[in-house]
């Protein structure tokens, strides 16, 4: 989706890990992650340059233009 493309009516545009997505207005971060097979407790999310705790991530409603970085937590030793 080009940077200049306007979202469809009732939608917003966000950028996650460098890729543009069009989502419904009032989509929660939790719903966005679920649509991609991820859960707040299993990823670290940075929104507009600020890291979110899993509790914060659950309460976020996405806004037009939000920039997300989503990193999967991997256990290892």
N, C-alpha and C. Protein backbone atom coordinates (compact mmCIF):
# COMPACT_ATOMS: atom_id res chain seq x y z
N UNK A 1 0.86 -1.17 0.00
CA UNK A 1 0.00 0.00 0.00
C UNK A 1 0.90 1.23 0.00
N UNK A 2 0.78 2.12 -0.94
CA UNK A 2 1.63 3.29 -0.99
C UNK A 2 1.39 4.23 0.19
N UNK A 3 2.40 5.02 0.53
CA UNK A 3 2.29 5.95 1.65
C UNK A 3 1.15 6.95 1.46
N UNK A 4 0.84 7.31 0.23
CA UNK A 4 -0.16 8.34 -0.03
C UNK A 4 -1.58 7.79 -0.15
N UNK A 5 -1.75 6.48 -0.12
CA UNK A 5 -3.08 5.90 -0.28
C UNK A 5 -3.95 6.21 0.93
N UNK A 6 -5.16 6.64 0.67
CA UNK A 6 -6.11 6.90 1.75
C UNK A 6 -6.83 5.60 2.09
N UNK A 7 -7.11 5.39 3.38
CA UNK A 7 -7.83 4.17 3.74
C UNK A 7 -9.28 4.24 3.28
N UNK A 8 -9.90 3.07 3.16
CA UNK A 8 -11.32 3.01 2.82
C UNK A 8 -12.12 3.63 3.96
N UNK A 9 -13.32 4.11 3.68
CA UNK A 9 -14.15 4.69 4.74
C UNK A 9 -14.32 3.70 5.90
N UNK A 10 -14.16 4.20 7.12
CA UNK A 10 -14.31 3.37 8.31
C UNK A 10 -13.04 2.62 8.68
N UNK A 11 -11.97 2.82 7.92
CA UNK A 11 -10.71 2.16 8.20
C UNK A 11 -9.62 3.17 8.52
N UNK A 12 -8.53 2.67 9.09
CA UNK A 12 -7.34 3.46 9.35
C UNK A 12 -6.15 2.71 8.77
N UNK A 13 -5.02 3.40 8.65
CA UNK A 13 -3.80 2.77 8.18
C UNK A 13 -2.77 2.79 9.30
N UNK A 14 -2.11 1.67 9.50
CA UNK A 14 -1.02 1.58 10.46
C UNK A 14 0.16 0.93 9.76
N UNK A 15 1.33 1.09 10.34
CA UNK A 15 2.53 0.46 9.78
C UNK A 15 3.10 -0.45 10.85
N UNK A 16 3.25 -1.72 10.53
CA UNK A 16 3.79 -2.71 11.47
C UNK A 16 4.98 -3.40 10.84
N UNK A 17 6.12 -3.33 11.52
CA UNK A 17 7.36 -3.93 11.03
C UNK A 17 7.65 -3.52 9.59
N UNK A 18 7.39 -2.23 9.29
CA UNK A 18 7.71 -1.69 7.98
C UNK A 18 6.68 -1.91 6.89
N UNK A 19 5.59 -2.60 7.21
CA UNK A 19 4.56 -2.90 6.22
C UNK A 19 3.27 -2.17 6.57
N UNK A 20 2.61 -1.61 5.56
CA UNK A 20 1.33 -0.91 5.77
C UNK A 20 0.18 -1.91 5.87
N UNK A 21 -0.74 -1.63 6.81
CA UNK A 21 -1.96 -2.43 6.96
C UNK A 21 -3.12 -1.48 7.06
N UNK A 22 -4.24 -1.89 6.50
CA UNK A 22 -5.49 -1.16 6.64
C UNK A 22 -6.38 -1.98 7.56
N UNK A 23 -6.83 -1.35 8.65
CA UNK A 23 -7.66 -2.05 9.64
C UNK A 23 -8.89 -1.21 9.95
N UNK A 24 -9.88 -1.85 10.49
CA UNK A 24 -11.11 -1.14 10.85
C UNK A 24 -10.85 -0.13 11.96
N UNK A 25 -11.54 1.00 11.88
CA UNK A 25 -11.49 2.01 12.93
C UNK A 25 -11.81 1.34 14.27
N UNK A 26 -11.12 1.70 15.33
CA UNK A 26 -11.30 1.19 16.69
C UNK A 26 -10.79 -0.25 16.88
N UNK A 27 -9.92 -0.72 15.97
CA UNK A 27 -9.30 -2.03 16.15
C UNK A 27 -8.33 -1.95 17.32
N UNK A 28 -8.38 -2.93 18.19
CA UNK A 28 -7.44 -2.97 19.31
C UNK A 28 -6.14 -3.62 18.87
N UNK A 29 -5.08 -3.32 19.59
CA UNK A 29 -3.80 -3.95 19.31
C UNK A 29 -3.92 -5.46 19.49
N UNK A 30 -4.63 -5.89 20.52
CA UNK A 30 -4.83 -7.31 20.76
C UNK A 30 -5.51 -7.98 19.56
N UNK A 31 -6.53 -7.35 19.00
CA UNK A 31 -7.22 -7.91 17.83
C UNK A 31 -6.29 -7.94 16.62
N UNK A 32 -5.51 -6.89 16.42
CA UNK A 32 -4.56 -6.86 15.31
C UNK A 32 -3.55 -8.00 15.43
N UNK A 33 -3.02 -8.19 16.64
CA UNK A 33 -2.06 -9.28 16.85
C UNK A 33 -2.73 -10.64 16.62
N UNK A 34 -3.94 -10.81 17.12
CA UNK A 34 -4.65 -12.09 16.95
C UNK A 34 -4.87 -12.41 15.48
N UNK A 35 -5.17 -11.39 14.68
CA UNK A 35 -5.36 -11.59 13.24
C UNK A 35 -4.09 -12.11 12.58
N UNK A 36 -2.97 -11.88 13.23
CA UNK A 36 -1.68 -12.33 12.73
C UNK A 36 -1.12 -13.51 13.51
N UNK A 37 -1.98 -14.15 14.32
CA UNK A 37 -1.59 -15.35 15.06
C UNK A 37 -0.64 -15.10 16.22
N UNK A 38 -0.70 -13.91 16.80
CA UNK A 38 0.18 -13.56 17.91
C UNK A 38 -0.63 -13.06 19.09
N UNK A 39 -0.04 -13.10 20.28
CA UNK A 39 -0.70 -12.65 21.50
C UNK A 39 0.22 -11.68 22.24
N UNK A 40 -0.33 -10.68 22.95
CA UNK A 40 0.50 -9.70 23.64
C UNK A 40 1.54 -10.31 24.58
N UNK A 41 1.24 -11.39 25.24
CA UNK A 41 2.18 -12.00 26.16
C UNK A 41 3.32 -12.75 25.48
N UNK A 42 3.22 -12.96 24.18
CA UNK A 42 4.24 -13.71 23.45
C UNK A 42 5.07 -12.86 22.49
N UNK A 43 4.78 -11.56 22.49
CA UNK A 43 5.54 -10.62 21.66
C UNK A 43 5.86 -9.37 22.47
N UNK A 44 6.87 -8.66 22.04
CA UNK A 44 7.16 -7.33 22.57
C UNK A 44 6.71 -6.35 21.50
N UNK A 45 5.93 -5.35 21.91
CA UNK A 45 5.41 -4.38 20.95
C UNK A 45 5.90 -2.99 21.32
N UNK A 46 6.39 -2.30 20.31
CA UNK A 46 6.76 -0.90 20.44
C UNK A 46 5.76 -0.12 19.58
N UNK A 47 5.13 0.87 20.18
CA UNK A 47 4.15 1.69 19.45
C UNK A 47 4.67 3.12 19.40
N UNK A 48 4.87 3.61 18.20
CA UNK A 48 5.35 4.98 17.99
C UNK A 48 6.59 5.27 18.82
N UNK A 49 7.49 4.28 18.88
CA UNK A 49 8.77 4.47 19.55
C UNK A 49 8.79 4.15 21.04
N UNK A 50 7.65 3.73 21.61
CA UNK A 50 7.60 3.42 23.04
C UNK A 50 7.22 1.97 23.26
N UNK A 51 8.05 1.26 24.04
CA UNK A 51 7.78 -0.14 24.35
C UNK A 51 6.55 -0.24 25.25
N UNK A 52 5.72 -1.25 24.98
CA UNK A 52 4.51 -1.48 25.77
C UNK A 52 4.65 -2.75 26.58
N UNK A 53 4.15 -2.72 27.81
CA UNK A 53 4.06 -3.96 28.59
C UNK A 53 2.88 -4.75 28.03
N UNK A 54 2.81 -6.07 28.30
CA UNK A 54 1.64 -6.84 27.84
C UNK A 54 0.33 -6.25 28.35
N UNK A 55 0.31 -5.75 29.59
CA UNK A 55 -0.92 -5.16 30.14
C UNK A 55 -1.30 -3.90 29.36
N UNK A 56 -0.32 -3.06 29.04
CA UNK A 56 -0.60 -1.85 28.25
C UNK A 56 -1.08 -2.22 26.86
N UNK A 57 -0.46 -3.23 26.26
CA UNK A 57 -0.82 -3.64 24.90
C UNK A 57 -2.28 -4.06 24.82
N UNK A 58 -2.78 -4.68 25.88
CA UNK A 58 -4.17 -5.15 25.87
C UNK A 58 -5.18 -4.01 25.87
N UNK A 59 -4.76 -2.83 26.31
CA UNK A 59 -5.71 -1.71 26.41
C UNK A 59 -5.60 -0.71 25.25
N UNK A 60 -4.71 -0.95 24.31
CA UNK A 60 -4.47 0.01 23.22
C UNK A 60 -5.49 -0.16 22.09
N UNK A 61 -6.05 0.97 21.67
CA UNK A 61 -6.86 1.04 20.46
C UNK A 61 -5.99 1.73 19.42
N UNK A 62 -5.81 1.10 18.28
CA UNK A 62 -4.93 1.64 17.25
C UNK A 62 -5.49 2.92 16.64
N UNK A 63 -4.58 3.82 16.29
CA UNK A 63 -4.94 5.10 15.68
C UNK A 63 -4.31 5.20 14.30
N UNK A 64 -4.94 5.96 13.43
CA UNK A 64 -4.42 6.16 12.09
C UNK A 64 -2.98 6.66 12.17
N UNK A 65 -2.09 6.01 11.42
CA UNK A 65 -0.70 6.41 11.38
C UNK A 65 0.19 5.78 12.43
N UNK A 66 -0.37 4.96 13.33
CA UNK A 66 0.46 4.30 14.33
C UNK A 66 1.57 3.51 13.65
N UNK A 67 2.74 3.50 14.28
CA UNK A 67 3.88 2.70 13.81
C UNK A 67 4.18 1.66 14.88
N UNK A 68 4.12 0.40 14.51
CA UNK A 68 4.37 -0.69 15.44
C UNK A 68 5.61 -1.46 15.04
N UNK A 69 6.35 -1.90 16.02
CA UNK A 69 7.42 -2.87 15.83
C UNK A 69 7.04 -4.04 16.73
N UNK A 70 6.92 -5.22 16.15
CA UNK A 70 6.48 -6.40 16.87
C UNK A 70 7.57 -7.45 16.78
N UNK A 71 8.05 -7.88 17.94
CA UNK A 71 9.12 -8.86 18.01
C UNK A 71 8.64 -10.04 18.84
N UNK A 72 8.76 -11.23 18.28
CA UNK A 72 8.36 -12.46 18.98
C UNK A 72 9.37 -12.76 20.06
N UNK A 73 8.88 -13.11 21.25
CA UNK A 73 9.74 -13.52 22.36
C UNK A 73 10.12 -14.97 22.15
N UNK A 74 11.42 -15.24 22.19
CA UNK A 74 11.91 -16.60 22.00
C UNK A 74 12.72 -16.99 23.23
N UNK A 75 12.31 -18.07 23.87
CA UNK A 75 13.05 -18.56 25.02
C UNK A 75 14.21 -19.42 24.54
N UNK A 76 15.26 -19.38 25.27
CA UNK A 76 16.41 -20.18 24.87
C UNK A 76 17.46 -20.14 25.96
N UNK A 77 18.49 -20.87 25.75
CA UNK A 77 19.50 -20.87 26.79
C UNK A 77 20.84 -21.22 26.27
